[in-house]
Amino acid sequence: FVSAIGRTNNRYYSDSVKGRCTISRDNAKNTVYLQMNNLKPEDAAV
């Protein structure tokens, strides 16, 4: 698990990414985003 966003925009993060990532959703565009900053080698993954 990395991050989740609820139906009412509650946001949750794993300890490994908290403070470096931001999840958001745009219901008008039917899109969810994950902004990732200060990426580390251990963040490499699918």
All heavy atoms as atom14 arrays in JSON, in Angstrom:
{
  "sequence": "FVSAIGRTNNRYYSDSVKGRCTISRDNAKNTVYLQMNNLKPEDAAV",
  "atom14_mask": [
    [1, 1, 1, 1, 1, 1, 1, 1, 1, 1, 1, 0, 0, 0],
    [1, 1, 1, 1, 1, 1, 1, 0, 0, 0, 0, 0, 0, 0],
    [1, 1, 1, 1, 1, 1, 0, 0, 0, 0, 0, 0, 0, 0],
    [1, 1, 1, 1, 1, 0, 0, 0, 0, 0, 0, 0, 0, 0],
    [1, 1, 1, 1, 1, 1, 1, 1, 0, 0, 0, 0, 0, 0],
    [1, 1, 1, 1, 0, 0, 0, 0, 0, 0, 0, 0, 0, 0],
    [1, 1, 1, 1, 1, 1, 1, 1, 1, 1, 1, 0, 0, 0],
    [1, 1, 1, 1, 1, 1, 1, 0, 0, 0, 0, 0, 0, 0],
    [1, 1, 1, 1, 1, 1, 1, 1, 0, 0, 0, 0, 0, 0],
    [1, 1, 1, 1, 1, 1, 1, 1, 0, 0, 0, 0, 0, 0],
    [1, 1, 1, 1, 1, 1, 1, 1, 1, 1, 1, 0, 0, 0],
    [1, 1, 1, 1, 1, 1, 1, 1, 1, 1, 1, 1, 0, 0],
    [1, 1, 1, 1, 1, 1, 1, 1, 1, 1, 1, 1, 0, 0],
    [1, 1, 1, 1, 1, 1, 0, 0, 0, 0, 0, 0, 0, 0],
    [1, 1, 1, 1, 1, 1, 1, 1, 0, 0, 0, 0, 0, 0],
    [1, 1, 1, 1, 1, 1, 0, 0, 0, 0, 0, 0, 0, 0],
    [1, 1, 1, 1, 1, 1, 1, 0, 0, 0, 0, 0, 0, 0],
    [1, 1, 1, 1, 1, 1, 1, 1, 1, 0, 0, 0, 0, 0],
    [1, 1, 1, 1, 0, 0, 0, 0, 0, 0, 0, 0, 0, 0],
    [1, 1, 1, 1, 1, 1, 1, 1, 1, 1, 1, 0, 0, 0],
    [1, 1, 1, 1, 1, 1, 0, 0, 0, 0, 0, 0, 0, 0],
    [1, 1, 1, 1, 1, 1, 1, 0, 0, 0, 0, 0, 0, 0],
    [1, 1, 1, 1, 1, 1, 1, 1, 0, 0, 0, 0, 0, 0],
    [1, 1, 1, 1, 1, 1, 0, 0, 0, 0, 0, 0, 0, 0],
    [1, 1, 1, 1, 1, 1, 1, 1, 1, 1, 1, 0, 0, 0],
    [1, 1, 1, 1, 1, 1, 1, 1, 0, 0, 0, 0, 0, 0],
    [1, 1, 1, 1, 1, 1, 1, 1, 0, 0, 0, 0, 0, 0],
    [1, 1, 1, 1, 1, 0, 0, 0, 0, 0, 0, 0, 0, 0],
    [1, 1, 1, 1, 1, 1, 1, 1, 1, 0, 0, 0, 0, 0],
    [1, 1, 1, 1, 1, 1, 1, 1, 0, 0, 0, 0, 0, 0],
    [1, 1, 1, 1, 1, 1, 1, 0, 0, 0, 0, 0, 0, 0],
    [1, 1, 1, 1, 1, 1, 1, 0, 0, 0, 0, 0, 0, 0],
    [1, 1, 1, 1, 1, 1, 1, 1, 1, 1, 1, 1, 0, 0],
    [1, 1, 1, 1, 1, 1, 1, 1, 0, 0, 0, 0, 0, 0],
    [1, 1, 1, 1, 1, 1, 1, 1, 1, 0, 0, 0, 0, 0],
    [1, 1, 1, 1, 1, 1, 1, 1, 0, 0, 0, 0, 0, 0],
    [1, 1, 1, 1, 1, 1, 1, 1, 0, 0, 0, 0, 0, 0],
    [1, 1, 1, 1, 1, 1, 1, 1, 0, 0, 0, 0, 0, 0],
    [1, 1, 1, 1, 1, 1, 1, 1, 0, 0, 0, 0, 0, 0],
    [1, 1, 1, 1, 1, 1, 1, 1, 1, 0, 0, 0, 0, 0],
    [1, 1, 1, 1, 1, 1, 1, 0, 0, 0, 0, 0, 0, 0],
    [1, 1, 1, 1, 1, 1, 1, 1, 1, 0, 0, 0, 0, 0],
    [1, 1, 1, 1, 1, 1, 1, 1, 0, 0, 0, 0, 0, 0],
    [1, 1, 1, 1, 1, 0, 0, 0, 0, 0, 0, 0, 0, 0],
    [1, 1, 1, 1, 1, 0, 0, 0, 0, 0, 0, 0, 0, 0],
    [1, 1, 1, 1, 1, 1, 1, 0, 0, 0, 0, 0, 0, 0]
  ],
  "atom14_positions": [
    [[0.82, -1.2, 0.0], [0.0, 0.0, 0.0], [0.85, 1.25, 0.0], [1.88, 1.32, 0.68], [-0.91, 0.0, 1.23], [-1.66, 1.28, 1.44], [-2.79, 1.57, 0.71], [-1.22, 2.2, 2.38], [-3.48, 2.75, 0.9], [-1.9, 3.38, 2.58], [-3.03, 3.66, 1.84], [0.0, 0.0, 0.0], [0.0, 0.0, 0.0], [0.0, 0.0, 0.0]],
    [[0.43, 2.26, -0.76], [1.11, 3.55, -0.8], [0.21, 4.66, -0.26], [0.57, 5.37, 0.68], [1.57, 3.9, -2.22], [2.21, 5.29, -2.24], [2.54, 2.85, -2.75], [0.0, 0.0, 0.0], [0.0, 0.0, 0.0], [0.0, 0.0, 0.0], [0.0, 0.0, 0.0], [0.0, 0.0, 0.0], [0.0, 0.0, 0.0], [0.0, 0.0, 0.0]],
    [[-0.97, 4.8, -0.85], [-1.84, 5.91, -0.48], [-3.27, 5.61, -0.9], [-3.51, 4.82, -1.81], [-1.35, 7.21, -1.14], [-2.12, 8.32, -0.72], [0.0, 0.0, 0.0], [0.0, 0.0, 0.0], [0.0, 0.0, 0.0], [0.0, 0.0, 0.0], [0.0, 0.0, 0.0], [0.0, 0.0, 0.0], [0.0, 0.0, 0.0], [0.0, 0.0, 0.0]],
    [[-4.23, 6.27, -0.25], [-5.64, 6.12, -0.59], [-6.37, 7.43, -0.36], [-5.97, 8.24, 0.49], [-6.3, 5.01, 0.25], [0.0, 0.0, 0.0], [0.0, 0.0, 0.0], [0.0, 0.0, 0.0], [0.0, 0.0, 0.0], [0.0, 0.0, 0.0], [0.0, 0.0, 0.0], [0.0, 0.0, 0.0], [0.0, 0.0, 0.0], [0.0, 0.0, 0.0]],
    [[-7.43, 7.62, -1.12], [-8.29, 8.78, -0.94], [-9.73, 8.3, -0.96], [-10.14, 7.54, -1.84], [-8.02, 9.86, -2.0], [-8.83, 11.12, -1.71], [-8.26, 9.35, -3.41], [-8.34, 12.34, -2.49], [0.0, 0.0, 0.0], [0.0, 0.0, 0.0], [0.0, 0.0, 0.0], [0.0, 0.0, 0.0], [0.0, 0.0, 0.0], [0.0, 0.0, 0.0]],
    [[-10.5, 8.74, 0.03], [-11.85, 8.28, 0.2], [-12.86, 9.06, -0.61], [-12.54, 10.01, -1.33], [0.0, 0.0, 0.0], [0.0, 0.0, 0.0], [0.0, 0.0, 0.0], [0.0, 0.0, 0.0], [0.0, 0.0, 0.0], [0.0, 0.0, 0.0], [0.0, 0.0, 0.0], [0.0, 0.0, 0.0], [0.0, 0.0, 0.0], [0.0, 0.0, 0.0]],
    [[-14.1, 8.65, -0.47], [-15.19, 9.3, -1.19], [-15.4, 10.75, -0.76], [-15.88, 11.56, -1.56], [-16.48, 8.51, -0.99], [-16.4, 7.06, -1.43], [-17.65, 6.29, -1.03], [-17.54, 4.87, -1.34], [-17.06, 3.97, -0.51], [-16.63, 4.32, 0.69], [-17.0, 2.69, -0.88], [0.0, 0.0, 0.0], [0.0, 0.0, 0.0], [0.0, 0.0, 0.0]],
    [[-15.03, 11.05, 0.46], [-15.16, 12.4, 0.99], [-13.8, 13.07, 1.14], [-13.65, 14.01, 1.93], [-15.9, 12.39, 2.33], [-15.22, 11.55, 3.26], [-17.32, 11.89, 2.13], [0.0, 0.0, 0.0], [0.0, 0.0, 0.0], [0.0, 0.0, 0.0], [0.0, 0.0, 0.0], [0.0, 0.0, 0.0], [0.0, 0.0, 0.0], [0.0, 0.0, 0.0]],
    [[-12.8, 12.6, 0.4], [-11.47, 13.19, 0.33], [-10.63, 12.99, 1.58], [-9.67, 13.73, 1.81], [-11.53, 14.68, -0.02], [-11.84, 14.93, -1.48], [-11.48, 14.12, -2.34], [-12.49, 16.03, -1.77], [0.0, 0.0, 0.0], [0.0, 0.0, 0.0], [0.0, 0.0, 0.0], [0.0, 0.0, 0.0], [0.0, 0.0, 0.0], [0.0, 0.0, 0.0]],
    [[-10.98, 12.0, 2.39], [-10.05, 11.58, 3.43], [-8.81, 10.99, 2.78], [-8.9, 10.22, 1.82], [-10.68, 10.54, 4.35], [-11.87, 11.1, 5.11], [-11.86, 12.24, 5.56], [-12.91, 10.29, 5.26], [0.0, 0.0, 0.0], [0.0, 0.0, 0.0], [0.0, 0.0, 0.0], [0.0, 0.0, 0.0], [0.0, 0.0, 0.0], [0.0, 0.0, 0.0]],
    [[-7.65, 11.34, 3.28], [-6.39, 10.92, 2.68], [-5.57, 10.1, 3.65], [-5.48, 10.41, 4.84], [-5.59, 12.14, 2.21], [-6.25, 12.9, 1.08], [-5.56, 14.22, 0.81], [-6.03, 14.85, -0.42], [-7.11, 15.62, -0.5], [-7.85, 15.86, 0.57], [-7.44, 16.16, -1.67], [0.0, 0.0, 0.0], [0.0, 0.0, 0.0], [0.0, 0.0, 0.0]],
    [[-4.93, 9.06, 3.12], [-4.16, 8.13, 3.93], [-2.87, 7.8, 3.21], [-2.83, 7.71, 1.98], [-4.96, 6.85, 4.19], [-6.36, 7.11, 4.71], [-7.43, 7.2, 3.84], [-6.59, 7.28, 6.07], [-8.71, 7.46, 4.3], [-7.87, 7.54, 6.54], [-8.92, 7.62, 5.65], [-10.18, 7.88, 6.13], [0.0, 0.0, 0.0], [0.0, 0.0, 0.0]],
    [[-1.8, 7.6, 3.98], [-0.49, 7.35, 3.42], [0.24, 6.28, 4.22], [0.07, 6.16, 5.43], [0.37, 8.62, 3.42], [-0.22, 9.76, 2.65], [-1.01, 10.72, 3.29], [0.0, 9.89, 1.29], [-1.56, 11.78, 2.59], [-0.56, 10.95, 0.58], [-1.33, 11.89, 1.23], [-1.87, 12.93, 0.53], [0.0, 0.0, 0.0], [0.0, 0.0, 0.0]],
    [[1.04, 5.5, 3.52], [1.94, 4.6, 4.22], [3.04, 5.41, 4.9], [3.36, 6.53, 4.48], [2.55, 3.59, 3.25], [3.44, 4.22, 2.35], [0.0, 0.0, 0.0], [0.0, 0.0, 0.0], [0.0, 0.0, 0.0], [0.0, 0.0, 0.0], [0.0, 0.0, 0.0], [0.0, 0.0, 0.0], [0.0, 0.0, 0.0], [0.0, 0.0, 0.0]],
    [[3.63, 4.83, 5.93], [4.7, 5.53, 6.63], [5.89, 5.82, 5.71], [6.59, 6.81, 5.89], [5.16, 4.7, 7.83], [4.13, 4.65, 8.93], [3.23, 5.52, 8.96], [4.22, 3.75, 9.78], [0.0, 0.0, 0.0], [0.0, 0.0, 0.0], [0.0, 0.0, 0.0], [0.0, 0.0, 0.0], [0.0, 0.0, 0.0], [0.0, 0.0, 0.0]],
    [[6.11, 4.98, 4.72], [7.27, 5.12, 3.86], [7.19, 6.34, 2.94], [8.23, 6.81, 2.47], [7.48, 3.86, 3.03], [6.38, 3.61, 2.19], [0.0, 0.0, 0.0], [0.0, 0.0, 0.0], [0.0, 0.0, 0.0], [0.0, 0.0, 0.0], [0.0, 0.0, 0.0], [0.0, 0.0, 0.0], [0.0, 0.0, 0.0], [0.0, 0.0, 0.0]],
    [[5.99, 6.84, 2.66], [5.85, 7.97, 1.75], [5.25, 9.2, 2.42], [5.22, 10.27, 1.79], [5.0, 7.61, 0.52], [5.57, 6.4, -0.2], [3.54, 7.37, 0.9], [0.0, 0.0, 0.0], [0.0, 0.0, 0.0], [0.0, 0.0, 0.0], [0.0, 0.0, 0.0], [0.0, 0.0, 0.0], [0.0, 0.0, 0.0], [0.0, 0.0, 0.0]],
    [[4.8, 9.08, 3.63], [4.17, 10.21, 4.31], [5.13, 11.4, 4.38], [6.29, 11.25, 4.75], [3.72, 9.81, 5.71], [2.89, 10.86, 6.43], [2.37, 10.33, 7.76], [1.42, 9.17, 7.57], [0.84, 8.7, 8.87], [0.0, 0.0, 0.0], [0.0, 0.0, 0.0], [0.0, 0.0, 0.0], [0.0, 0.0, 0.0], [0.0, 0.0, 0.0]],
    [[4.62, 12.56, 3.99], [5.44, 13.76, 3.96], [6.1, 14.02, 2.63], [6.58, 15.13, 2.39], [0.0, 0.0, 0.0], [0.0, 0.0, 0.0], [0.0, 0.0, 0.0], [0.0, 0.0, 0.0], [0.0, 0.0, 0.0], [0.0, 0.0, 0.0], [0.0, 0.0, 0.0], [0.0, 0.0, 0.0], [0.0, 0.0, 0.0], [0.0, 0.0, 0.0]],
    [[6.13, 13.03, 1.75], [6.75, 13.17, 0.44], [5.74, 13.05, -0.69], [6.06, 13.44, -1.82], [7.86, 12.14, 0.24], [8.98, 12.25, 1.25], [10.15, 11.34, 0.9], [9.77, 9.94, 0.97], [9.8, 9.1, -0.06], [10.2, 9.53, -1.25], [9.45, 7.83, 0.09], [0.0, 0.0, 0.0], [0.0, 0.0, 0.0], [0.0, 0.0, 0.0]],
    [[4.57, 12.51, -0.41], [3.57, 12.27, -1.44], [2.24, 12.92, -1.07], [1.91, 13.05, 0.11], [3.34, 10.77, -1.65], [4.78, 9.9, -2.31], [0.0, 0.0, 0.0], [0.0, 0.0, 0.0], [0.0, 0.0, 0.0], [0.0, 0.0, 0.0], [0.0, 0.0, 0.0], [0.0, 0.0, 0.0], [0.0, 0.0, 0.0], [0.0, 0.0, 0.0]],
    [[1.49, 13.29, -2.09], [0.17, 13.86, -1.91], [-0.79, 13.21, -2.89], [-0.55, 13.22, -4.1], [0.17, 15.37, -2.13], [1.08, 16.0, -1.22], [-1.24, 15.94, -1.89], [0.0, 0.0, 0.0], [0.0, 0.0, 0.0], [0.0, 0.0, 0.0], [0.0, 0.0, 0.0], [0.0, 0.0, 0.0], [0.0, 0.0, 0.0], [0.0, 0.0, 0.0]],
    [[-1.87, 12.64, -2.38], [-2.9, 12.06, -3.23], [-4.05, 13.05, -3.33], [-4.37, 13.76, -2.37], [-3.38, 10.7, -2.69], [-4.26, 9.98, -3.72], [-4.1, 10.84, -1.36], [-4.57, 8.54, -3.36], [0.0, 0.0, 0.0], [0.0, 0.0, 0.0], [0.0, 0.0, 0.0], [0.0, 0.0, 0.0], [0.0, 0.0, 0.0], [0.0, 0.0, 0.0]],
    [[-4.65, 13.12, -4.5], [-5.78, 14.01, -4.71], [-6.7, 13.42, -5.77], [-6.31, 12.51, -6.51], [-5.32, 15.41, -5.13], [-4.6, 15.37, -6.35], [0.0, 0.0, 0.0], [0.0, 0.0, 0.0], [0.0, 0.0, 0.0], [0.0, 0.0, 0.0], [0.0, 0.0, 0.0], [0.0, 0.0, 0.0], [0.0, 0.0, 0.0], [0.0, 0.0, 0.0]],
    [[-7.91, 13.92, -5.82], [-8.86, 13.45, -6.83], [-9.61, 14.63, -7.42], [-9.91, 15.61, -6.72], [-9.82, 12.4, -6.27], [-10.79, 12.91, -5.22], [-11.53, 11.75, -4.54], [-12.35, 11.01, -5.47], [-12.79, 9.77, -5.27], [-12.45, 9.12, -4.14], [-13.55, 9.16, -6.17], [0.0, 0.0, 0.0], [0.0, 0.0, 0.0], [0.0, 0.0, 0.0]],
    [[-9.92, 14.52, -8.69], [-10.7, 15.51, -9.4], [-11.9, 14.78, -9.98], [-11.8, 14.12, -11.02], [-9.88, 16.18, -10.5], [-10.61, 17.32, -11.17], [-11.85, 17.38, -11.11], [-9.92, 18.18, -11.77], [0.0, 0.0, 0.0], [0.0, 0.0, 0.0], [0.0, 0.0, 0.0], [0.0, 0.0, 0.0], [0.0, 0.0, 0.0], [0.0, 0.0, 0.0]],
    [[-13.03, 14.87, -9.3], [-14.21, 14.12, -9.73], [-14.73, 14.6, -11.08], [-15.32, 13.82, -11.83], [-15.3, 14.21, -8.68], [-14.99, 13.39, -7.44], [-14.06, 12.59, -7.43], [-15.77, 13.58, -6.39], [0.0, 0.0, 0.0], [0.0, 0.0, 0.0], [0.0, 0.0, 0.0], [0.0, 0.0, 0.0], [0.0, 0.0, 0.0], [0.0, 0.0, 0.0]],
    [[-14.53, 15.87, -11.4], [-14.97, 16.38, -12.69], [-14.2, 15.74, -13.84], [-14.73, 15.61, -14.94], [-14.83, 17.9, -12.74], [0.0, 0.0, 0.0], [0.0, 0.0, 0.0], [0.0, 0.0, 0.0], [0.0, 0.0, 0.0], [0.0, 0.0, 0.0], [0.0, 0.0, 0.0], [0.0, 0.0, 0.0], [0.0, 0.0, 0.0], [0.0, 0.0, 0.0]],
    [[-12.95, 15.37, -13.59], [-12.12, 14.73, -14.61], [-12.03, 13.22, -14.43], [-11.35, 12.56, -15.21], [-10.71, 15.31, -14.58], [-10.65, 16.78, -14.95], [-9.21, 17.27, -14.95], [-9.13, 18.73, -15.36], [-7.73, 19.23, -15.36], [0.0, 0.0, 0.0], [0.0, 0.0, 0.0], [0.0, 0.0, 0.0], [0.0, 0.0, 0.0], [0.0, 0.0, 0.0]],
    [[-12.7, 12.69, -13.42], [-12.64, 11.25, -13.12], [-11.2, 10.78, -12.99], [-10.82, 9.72, -13.52], [-13.37, 10.45, -14.2], [-14.87, 10.47, -14.04], [-15.42, 11.24, -13.26], [-15.56, 9.63, -14.8], [0.0, 0.0, 0.0], [0.0, 0.0, 0.0], [0.0, 0.0, 0.0], [0.0, 0.0, 0.0], [0.0, 0.0, 0.0], [0.0, 0.0, 0.0]],
    [[-10.39, 11.53, -12.28], [-8.97, 11.25, -12.2], [-8.47, 11.36, -10.77], [-8.87, 12.27, -10.03], [-8.17, 12.23, -13.09], [-8.61, 12.09, -14.44], [-6.69, 11.93, -13.03], [0.0, 0.0, 0.0], [0.0, 0.0, 0.0], [0.0, 0.0, 0.0], [0.0, 0.0, 0.0], [0.0, 0.0, 0.0], [0.0, 0.0, 0.0], [0.0, 0.0, 0.0]],
    [[-7.59, 10.44, -10.39], [-6.88, 10.51, -9.13], [-5.41, 10.69, -9.44], [-4.89, 10.13, -10.41], [-7.14, 9.25, -8.26], [-6.64, 7.99, -8.96], [-6.51, 9.41, -6.89], [0.0, 0.0, 0.0], [0.0, 0.0, 0.0], [0.0, 0.0, 0.0], [0.0, 0.0, 0.0], [0.0, 0.0, 0.0], [0.0, 0.0, 0.0], [0.0, 0.0, 0.0]],
    [[-4.73, 11.48, -8.62], [-3.32, 11.79, -8.81], [-2.51, 11.38, -7.59], [-3.02, 11.36, -6.47], [-3.11, 13.29, -9.03], [-3.92, 13.88, -10.16], [-5.15, 14.49, -9.92], [-3.45, 13.84, -11.46], [-5.89, 15.04, -10.94], [-4.18, 14.39, -12.5], [-5.4, 14.99, -12.24], [-6.13, 15.54, -13.27], [0.0, 0.0, 0.0], [0.0, 0.0, 0.0]],
    [[-1.26, 11.07, -7.83], [-0.3, 10.89, -6.76], [0.94, 11.71, -7.1], [1.7, 11.35, -8.0], [0.07, 9.42, -6.56], [1.02, 9.16, -5.38], [0.31, 9.43, -4.05], [1.54, 7.72, -5.41], [0.0, 0.0, 0.0], [0.0, 0.0, 0.0], [0.0, 0.0, 0.0], [0.0, 0.0, 0.0], [0.0, 0.0, 0.0], [0.0, 0.0, 0.0]],
    [[1.1, 12.83, -6.41], [2.29, 13.65, -6.56], [3.37, 13.11, -5.64], [3.17, 13.02, -4.43], [1.98, 15.1, -6.21], [3.18, 16.04, -6.28], [3.67, 16.24, -7.69], [2.89, 16.46, -8.6], [4.99, 16.18, -7.88], [0.0, 0.0, 0.0], [0.0, 0.0, 0.0], [0.0, 0.0, 0.0], [0.0, 0.0, 0.0], [0.0, 0.0, 0.0]],
    [[4.51, 12.75, -6.2], [5.61, 12.18, -5.45], [6.82, 13.09, -5.56], [7.28, 13.38, -6.66], [5.95, 10.78, -5.95], [4.78, 9.81, -5.89], [5.27, 8.1, -6.21], [5.76, 8.24, -7.93], [0.0, 0.0, 0.0], [0.0, 0.0, 0.0], [0.0, 0.0, 0.0], [0.0, 0.0, 0.0], [0.0, 0.0, 0.0], [0.0, 0.0, 0.0]],
    [[7.32, 13.53, -4.42], [8.48, 14.41, -4.35], [9.6, 13.74, -3.57], [9.38, 12.79, -2.82], [8.1, 15.73, -3.67], [7.0, 16.48, -4.39], [6.98, 16.53, -5.62], [6.09, 17.07, -3.62], [0.0, 0.0, 0.0], [0.0, 0.0, 0.0], [0.0, 0.0, 0.0], [0.0, 0.0, 0.0], [0.0, 0.0, 0.0], [0.0, 0.0, 0.0]],
    [[10.8, 14.26, -3.77], [11.97, 13.74, -3.06], [12.07, 12.22, -3.18], [12.27, 11.51, -2.19], [11.93, 14.16, -1.59], [11.98, 15.65, -1.4], [12.74, 16.34, -2.07], [11.15, 16.16, -0.5], [0.0, 0.0, 0.0], [0.0, 0.0, 0.0], [0.0, 0.0, 0.0], [0.0, 0.0, 0.0], [0.0, 0.0, 0.0], [0.0, 0.0, 0.0]],
    [[11.97, 11.75, -4.38], [11.97, 10.31, -4.62], [13.31, 9.69, -4.24], [14.37, 10.27, -4.45], [11.63, 10.01, -6.06], [10.15, 10.21, -6.4], [9.95, 10.31, -7.91], [9.33, 9.06, -5.83], [0.0, 0.0, 0.0], [0.0, 0.0, 0.0], [0.0, 0.0, 0.0], [0.0, 0.0, 0.0], [0.0, 0.0, 0.0], [0.0, 0.0, 0.0]],
    [[13.23, 8.49, -3.68], [14.39, 7.75, -3.23], [14.52, 6.47, -4.05], [13.55, 5.99, -4.63], [14.24, 7.39, -1.75], [14.02, 8.58, -0.84], [13.77, 8.13, 0.59], [13.53, 9.31, 1.51], [13.26, 8.87, 2.9], [0.0, 0.0, 0.0], [0.0, 0.0, 0.0], [0.0, 0.0, 0.0], [0.0, 0.0, 0.0], [0.0, 0.0, 0.0]],
    [[15.71, 5.89, -4.1], [15.87, 4.63, -4.83], [14.9, 3.54, -4.37], [14.44, 2.75, -5.21], [17.33, 4.24, -4.55], [18.02, 5.54, -4.34], [17.01, 6.41, -3.63], [0.0, 0.0, 0.0], [0.0, 0.0, 0.0], [0.0, 0.0, 0.0], [0.0, 0.0, 0.0], [0.0, 0.0, 0.0], [0.0, 0.0, 0.0], [0.0, 0.0, 0.0]],
    [[14.56, 3.5, -3.1], [13.64, 2.49, -2.61], [12.2, 2.73, -3.05], [11.34, 1.87, -2.83], [13.7, 2.39, -1.08], [13.51, 3.72, -0.36], [14.82, 4.38, 0.02], [15.76, 4.34, -0.79], [14.9, 4.94, 1.14], [0.0, 0.0, 0.0], [0.0, 0.0, 0.0], [0.0, 0.0, 0.0], [0.0, 0.0, 0.0], [0.0, 0.0, 0.0]],
    [[11.91, 3.87, -3.67], [10.59, 4.12, -4.23], [10.41, 3.47, -5.6], [9.29, 3.45, -6.12], [10.33, 5.62, -4.37], [10.25, 6.33, -3.03], [9.63, 5.78, -2.1], [10.78, 7.45, -2.92], [0.0, 0.0, 0.0], [0.0, 0.0, 0.0], [0.0, 0.0, 0.0], [0.0, 0.0, 0.0], [0.0, 0.0, 0.0], [0.0, 0.0, 0.0]],
    [[11.46, 2.97, -6.19], [11.38, 2.36, -7.5], [10.48, 1.14, -7.45], [10.66, 0.24, -6.62], [12.77, 1.98, -8.01], [0.0, 0.0, 0.0], [0.0, 0.0, 0.0], [0.0, 0.0, 0.0], [0.0, 0.0, 0.0], [0.0, 0.0, 0.0], [0.0, 0.0, 0.0], [0.0, 0.0, 0.0], [0.0, 0.0, 0.0], [0.0, 0.0, 0.0]],
    [[9.5, 1.1, -8.33], [8.53, 0.01, -8.34], [7.57, 0.23, -9.51], [7.57, 1.29, -10.15], [7.74, -0.03, -7.03], [0.0, 0.0, 0.0], [0.0, 0.0, 0.0], [0.0, 0.0, 0.0], [0.0, 0.0, 0.0], [0.0, 0.0, 0.0], [0.0, 0.0, 0.0], [0.0, 0.0, 0.0], [0.0, 0.0, 0.0], [0.0, 0.0, 0.0]],
    [[6.76, -0.77, -9.76], [5.59, -0.59, -10.61], [4.45, -0.11, -9.72], [4.13, -0.77, -8.72], [5.2, -1.87, -11.35], [3.94, -1.65, -12.18], [6.34, -2.35, -12.24], [0.0, 0.0, 0.0], [0.0, 0.0, 0.0], [0.0, 0.0, 0.0], [0.0, 0.0, 0.0], [0.0, 0.0, 0.0], [0.0, 0.0, 0.0], [0.0, 0.0, 0.0]]
  ]
}
